[in-house]
Amino acid sequence: MHIIEKYKGAEPQKLEKWFKQNFPTAPFSLLRKLLRKGAIRVNGKRVKDDYLLQKNDEIKMPEIENKEKEKTV
């Protein structure tokens, strides 16, 4: 399943920074893999991790599970 989100920031922001803010527990290697396979698209086009998001850019990507590792004490 894909999620579609519009970038609402006033200033341009790199895709990798947006990814880290929205998916803090997901590893950066996952972002690189999804970009390499073309699973993350902005405005319907393949992009690289250094792409600058502009206001109202449409981000389409597969759903990512936010699993927190449970700490055993």
Protein backbone atom coordinates (compact mmCIF):
# COMPACT_ATOMS: atom_id res chain seq x y z
CA MET A 1 0.00 0.00 0.00
CA HIS A 2 1.29 3.43 -0.86
CA ILE A 3 1.01 6.55 1.20
CA ILE A 4 0.81 9.92 -0.44
CA GLU A 5 1.74 13.05 1.42
CA LYS A 6 2.19 16.65 0.39
CA TYR A 7 5.21 18.56 1.65
CA LYS A 8 3.89 21.58 3.52
CA GLY A 9 7.12 23.24 4.55
CA ALA A 10 7.72 26.85 3.63
CA GLU A 11 11.43 26.33 2.91
CA PRO A 12 12.92 23.67 0.59
CA GLN A 13 14.14 20.61 2.49
CA LYS A 14 16.21 17.61 1.43
CA LEU A 15 14.23 14.39 1.08
CA GLU A 16 16.62 12.53 3.42
CA LYS A 17 16.00 15.09 6.21
CA TRP A 18 12.21 14.87 5.71
CA PHE A 19 12.47 11.07 5.86
CA LYS A 20 14.41 11.18 9.15
CA GLN A 21 11.86 13.57 10.70
CA ASN A 22 8.83 11.54 9.64
CA PHE A 23 10.28 8.04 10.17
CA PRO A 24 12.83 8.42 13.00
CA THR A 25 13.10 4.69 13.72
CA ALA A 26 13.54 3.60 10.10
CA PRO A 27 17.16 3.05 9.06
CA PHE A 28 18.70 5.32 6.44
CA SER A 29 19.61 2.22 4.43
CA LEU A 30 15.88 1.59 3.93
CA LEU A 31 15.50 5.03 2.36
CA ARG A 32 18.44 4.35 0.04
CA LYS A 33 17.00 0.96 -0.95
CA LEU A 34 13.54 2.38 -1.67
CA LEU A 35 15.04 5.21 -3.72
CA ARG A 36 17.29 2.81 -5.65
CA LYS A 37 14.32 0.61 -6.54
CA GLY A 38 12.17 3.61 -7.52
CA ALA A 39 9.62 2.98 -4.78
CA ILE A 40 9.75 6.59 -3.56
CA ARG A 41 8.54 9.13 -6.07
CA VAL A 42 8.02 12.86 -5.88
CA ASN A 43 5.45 14.29 -8.27
CA GLY A 44 5.40 10.94 -10.07
CA LYS A 45 9.15 10.93 -10.80
CA ARG A 46 12.07 8.98 -9.36
CA VAL A 47 14.31 11.09 -7.15
CA LYS A 48 17.58 10.82 -5.22
CA ASP A 49 18.01 11.32 -1.48
CA ASP A 50 19.45 14.81 -1.98
CA TYR A 51 16.32 16.01 -3.82
CA LEU A 52 15.04 19.34 -2.45
CA LEU A 53 11.37 19.12 -1.57
CA GLN A 54 9.37 22.18 -2.57
CA LYS A 55 6.04 23.31 -1.15
CA ASN A 56 3.15 21.07 -2.30
CA ASP A 57 5.42 18.33 -3.69
CA GLU A 58 3.54 15.03 -3.64
CA ILE A 59 5.52 12.19 -2.03
CA LYS A 60 4.44 8.65 -2.87
CA MET A 61 6.05 5.72 -1.09
CA PRO A 62 5.26 2.28 0.31
CA GLU A 63 4.01 2.07 3.86
CA ILE A 64 6.83 1.74 6.38
CA GLU A 65 6.40 -0.03 9.68
CA ASN A 66 7.59 2.09 12.61
CA LYS A 67 8.76 -0.67 14.91
CA GLU A 68 10.47 0.43 18.08
CA LYS A 69 12.88 -2.11 19.49
CA GLU A 70 11.70 -3.21 22.90
CA LYS A 71 14.32 -3.00 25.60
CA THR A 72 14.41 -5.82 28.08
CA VAL A 73 15.55 -4.90 31.54
